Structure formats: C-alpha cells, structure tokens
C-alpha cells in the first residue's frame, strides 16, 4: 500500500514536469474482487510440497500504474490479499513492475470514445504469509490488456485482465490471473 501511495505522489510530482513538455501520461487505478494464483506443480519434485504455498485465491486486489505515453514506459504496483474477514490474512502478495505499455485511440475509436490499453513488463513480487517462515520474493513477468470508454477528455473507465508469471528465468513457480475494473486519468 505504501508503494501505491508513493506511485500516486510520484505521478503528481511528475505531472508538472510533463505538462511543460506537453508529454501525455496516464494514471490508472485498478480494483478486482477476486484473483487466483495457480502453482506450477510440474516444475517441482513429487516429494517437494513447497509449491503448495503459491496456490491461493484473493478476495481483493488493488493496483496502480503510471504510463508515460510518448516513451512508452510504465511503472506499476499491485497488492492482493486473501481472507479479508480475518484480522491477519493468510497471504498478501505485493508486486512492483516496469515495462512497455501504452494507450491507443483508433480514429474510429476516438470518435466513439473507445480506447485500448496494454502493457508487458518485468519486476518482483513479495509473498507475505501468516507464517513468516514461508515469506519469499519472486521474479515476475507480466502482461495486461484493457478496453474501455473515454467518458471525458481526461477520464477513462474500463475492464481488463492482468497476468503475472512468477519464477526466475528458466523456471516456473506460479501464475496469477485477475479480471478488474479500472479507472484512469489521461493527461
């Protein structure tokens, strides 16, 4: 959550700088009431049960992303939590990623208000469990796609899907999927 707040503050700070150069960017906020991480059991020995810690379902996922359109680079953070009713959730996954992404308006789509947004990047995810001995960091690659409506000159509203693949290069530990509702401010 601290990373998300830092990202938002960073975007507000950079907006003044970008406004001088007339370089557009998008601040995107995402919410998902469900998500799933599926452990890639084929990568582990039959006797090794350490992959089981990666099998989880999330009750809430919050995310934020800043896309610098002219470059096109993005910085994204995300937090997923299991068991919202418990005082301490069974697991929490926080990710930070950078990569290439952008927002596009087709000539027809711009007139109709439809936009497409996508990104591909890499980063790291921190798994925090109720049992601290299971805590771990994992490398990740991610992809994202969103479609929505430009409801105002600077306001976007859409739905999308996030995919994250956890594991060091050459290995596969787990896959994360979620469907979300997103809103964005485009400048």
Protein backbone atom coordinates (compact mmCIF):
# COMPACT_ATOMS: atom_id res chain seq x y z
CA UNK A 1 0.00 0.00 0.00
CA UNK A 2 2.90 2.33 0.73
CA UNK A 3 4.20 1.66 -2.78
CA UNK A 4 0.82 2.61 -4.25
CA UNK A 5 0.76 5.90 -2.34
CA UNK A 6 4.34 6.62 -3.37
CA UNK A 7 3.40 5.97 -7.01
CA UNK A 8 0.47 8.38 -6.84
CA UNK A 9 2.62 11.07 -5.24
CA UNK A 10 5.31 10.48 -7.85
CA UNK A 11 2.74 10.93 -10.63
CA UNK A 12 1.50 14.21 -9.16
CA UNK A 13 5.08 15.46 -8.90
CA UNK A 14 5.94 14.46 -12.47
CA UNK A 15 2.74 15.94 -13.89
CA UNK A 16 4.07 19.49 -13.56
CA UNK A 17 7.28 18.49 -15.32
CA UNK A 18 5.45 16.65 -18.09
CA UNK A 19 3.00 19.49 -18.59
CA UNK A 20 5.86 21.78 -19.57
CA UNK A 21 6.85 19.43 -22.38
CA UNK A 22 3.26 18.57 -23.33
CA UNK A 23 4.10 14.88 -22.88
CA UNK A 24 0.94 12.87 -22.01
CA UNK A 25 0.72 10.21 -19.35
CA UNK A 26 -1.97 8.02 -17.79
CA UNK A 27 -2.53 7.31 -14.09
CA UNK A 28 -4.54 4.11 -13.81
CA UNK A 29 -6.22 2.71 -10.67
CA UNK A 30 -7.49 -0.89 -10.67
CA UNK A 31 -9.79 -2.92 -8.40
CA UNK A 32 -10.57 -6.62 -8.53
CA UNK A 33 -12.79 -8.51 -6.06
CA UNK A 34 -11.15 -11.81 -6.99
CA UNK A 35 -7.92 -13.23 -8.31
CA UNK A 36 -6.09 -16.52 -8.31
CA UNK A 37 -2.51 -17.77 -8.19
CA UNK A 38 -2.03 -21.27 -9.50
CA UNK A 39 1.19 -23.06 -8.58
CA UNK A 40 3.03 -24.69 -11.46
CA UNK A 41 3.32 -28.13 -9.91
CA UNK A 42 5.11 -29.67 -12.91
CA UNK A 43 8.26 -27.71 -12.06
CA UNK A 44 8.64 -29.28 -8.61
CA UNK A 45 9.73 -32.72 -7.47
CA UNK A 46 6.91 -35.03 -6.41
CA UNK A 47 8.16 -35.07 -2.81
CA UNK A 48 8.57 -31.27 -2.66
CA UNK A 49 5.42 -29.60 -1.34
CA UNK A 50 6.85 -26.04 -1.25
CA UNK A 51 4.79 -25.12 -4.32
CA UNK A 52 1.57 -25.50 -2.30
CA UNK A 53 2.15 -22.13 -0.66
CA UNK A 54 1.58 -20.47 -4.06
CA UNK A 55 -1.94 -21.92 -4.50
CA UNK A 56 -4.25 -19.15 -3.29
CA UNK A 57 -7.36 -17.15 -4.09
CA UNK A 58 -7.60 -13.44 -3.41
CA UNK A 59 -10.63 -11.54 -2.16
CA UNK A 60 -9.26 -8.14 -3.17
CA UNK A 61 -6.61 -6.81 -5.50
CA UNK A 62 -5.72 -3.12 -5.75
CA UNK A 63 -3.34 -1.73 -8.33
CA UNK A 64 -1.94 1.50 -9.70
CA UNK A 65 0.01 2.15 -12.86
CA UNK A 66 1.61 5.21 -14.43
CA UNK A 67 2.07 5.02 -18.18
CA UNK A 68 4.29 7.60 -19.84
CA UNK A 69 2.75 7.50 -23.32
CA UNK A 70 5.40 9.12 -25.52
CA UNK A 71 8.23 6.83 -24.34
CA UNK A 72 6.12 4.27 -23.80
CA UNK A 73 7.19 3.08 -20.34
CA UNK A 74 5.10 2.22 -17.29
CA UNK A 75 5.59 1.70 -13.58
CA UNK A 76 3.01 -0.46 -11.80
CA UNK A 77 2.29 -1.66 -8.27
CA UNK A 78 -0.28 -4.17 -7.09
CA UNK A 79 -1.42 -5.67 -3.79
CA UNK A 80 -3.53 -8.81 -3.46
CA UNK A 81 -4.99 -10.07 -0.16
CA UNK A 82 -6.64 -13.32 0.90
CA UNK A 83 -9.22 -13.66 3.71
CA UNK A 84 -10.36 -10.07 4.22
CA UNK A 85 -12.57 -11.12 7.14
CA UNK A 86 -9.59 -12.32 9.21
CA UNK A 87 -7.60 -9.84 11.30
CA UNK A 88 -4.46 -11.24 9.66
CA UNK A 89 -4.83 -12.61 6.12
CA UNK A 90 -3.37 -16.00 5.21
CA UNK A 91 -1.34 -14.33 2.43
CA UNK A 92 -0.58 -10.99 0.86
CA UNK A 93 1.24 -10.52 -2.44
CA UNK A 94 2.73 -7.15 -3.39
CA UNK A 95 4.31 -6.59 -6.80
CA UNK A 96 6.33 -3.87 -8.47
CA UNK A 97 6.95 -3.92 -12.23
CA UNK A 98 8.28 -1.75 -15.03
CA UNK A 99 7.96 -2.28 -18.75
CA UNK A 100 6.47 -1.10 -22.00
CA UNK A 101 2.85 -0.05 -22.23
CA UNK A 102 0.55 2.38 -23.87
CA UNK A 103 -2.87 3.70 -24.59
CA UNK A 104 -4.29 3.97 -28.09
CA UNK A 105 -7.27 5.58 -29.68
CA UNK A 106 -8.16 4.42 -33.15
CA UNK A 107 -9.50 7.11 -35.48
CA UNK A 108 -12.94 5.49 -35.24
CA UNK A 109 -12.48 4.63 -31.57
CA UNK A 110 -11.52 8.18 -30.64
CA UNK A 111 -14.80 9.46 -32.06
CA UNK A 112 -16.78 6.71 -30.31
CA UNK A 113 -14.85 7.06 -27.04
CA UNK A 114 -13.33 3.54 -27.05
CA UNK A 115 -9.71 3.03 -26.03
CA UNK A 116 -7.33 0.08 -25.79
CA UNK A 117 -4.52 -0.16 -23.25
CA UNK A 118 -1.85 -2.80 -22.88
CA UNK A 119 1.49 -3.46 -21.25
CA UNK A 120 4.26 -6.03 -20.89
CA UNK A 121 6.87 -5.83 -18.16
CA UNK A 122 9.05 -7.45 -15.53
CA UNK A 123 9.55 -6.96 -11.82
CA UNK A 124 9.41 -8.66 -8.44
CA UNK A 125 6.72 -9.91 -6.11
CA UNK A 126 6.83 -10.22 -2.33
CA UNK A 127 4.81 -13.06 -0.82
CA UNK A 128 3.93 -12.46 2.83
CA UNK A 129 2.23 -15.29 4.71
CA UNK A 130 0.66 -15.71 8.13
CA UNK A 131 3.61 -17.99 8.86
CA UNK A 132 6.68 -15.73 8.32
CA UNK A 133 8.99 -18.64 7.52
CA UNK A 134 7.14 -19.03 4.19
CA UNK A 135 7.74 -15.39 3.12
CA UNK A 136 9.57 -15.10 -0.18
CA UNK A 137 10.50 -12.81 -3.09
CA UNK A 138 9.97 -13.99 -6.65
CA UNK A 139 10.87 -12.50 -10.03
CA UNK A 140 7.93 -11.97 -12.38
CA UNK A 141 6.94 -11.10 -15.91
CA UNK A 142 3.51 -9.64 -16.53
CA UNK A 143 1.06 -8.73 -19.24
CA UNK A 144 -2.06 -6.60 -19.17
CA UNK A 145 -4.87 -5.72 -21.57
CA UNK A 146 -7.78 -3.32 -21.06
CA UNK A 147 -10.65 -1.97 -23.13
CA UNK A 148 -12.89 0.86 -22.07
CA UNK A 149 -14.57 4.17 -22.70
CA UNK A 150 -13.13 7.63 -22.61
CA UNK A 151 -16.01 9.24 -20.71
CA UNK A 152 -14.40 12.66 -20.53
CA UNK A 153 -11.39 14.29 -22.13
CA UNK A 154 -9.18 13.15 -19.26
CA UNK A 155 -11.25 10.31 -17.69
CA UNK A 156 -11.11 6.61 -18.64
CA UNK A 157 -13.28 3.73 -17.41
CA UNK A 158 -12.65 0.15 -18.48
CA UNK A 159 -12.27 -3.54 -17.74
CA UNK A 160 -9.16 -5.60 -18.17
CA UNK A 161 -7.17 -8.67 -17.31
CA UNK A 162 -3.80 -8.98 -15.55
CA UNK A 163 -1.45 -11.94 -15.90
CA UNK A 164 1.75 -12.44 -13.88
CA UNK A 165 4.17 -15.34 -14.15
CA UNK A 166 6.40 -15.92 -11.08
CA UNK A 167 9.80 -17.58 -11.13
CA UNK A 168 13.42 -16.94 -12.00
CA UNK A 169 14.42 -17.08 -15.69
CA UNK A 170 14.15 -20.67 -16.84
CA UNK A 171 11.77 -21.78 -14.07
CA UNK A 172 8.05 -21.52 -13.48
CA UNK A 173 6.62 -21.33 -9.96
CA UNK A 174 3.14 -19.82 -10.25
CA UNK A 175 0.70 -17.93 -12.49
CA UNK A 176 -1.57 -15.08 -11.35
CA UNK A 177 -4.79 -14.06 -13.13
CA UNK A 178 -7.41 -11.46 -12.32
CA UNK A 179 -10.19 -9.59 -14.04
CA UNK A 180 -10.51 -5.97 -12.90
CA UNK A 181 -12.37 -2.71 -13.27
CA UNK A 182 -10.09 0.24 -13.87
CA UNK A 183 -10.32 3.99 -13.99
CA UNK A 184 -7.71 6.29 -15.35
CA UNK A 185 -6.76 9.92 -15.67
CA UNK A 186 -5.16 10.77 -19.02
CA UNK A 187 -3.09 13.93 -19.41
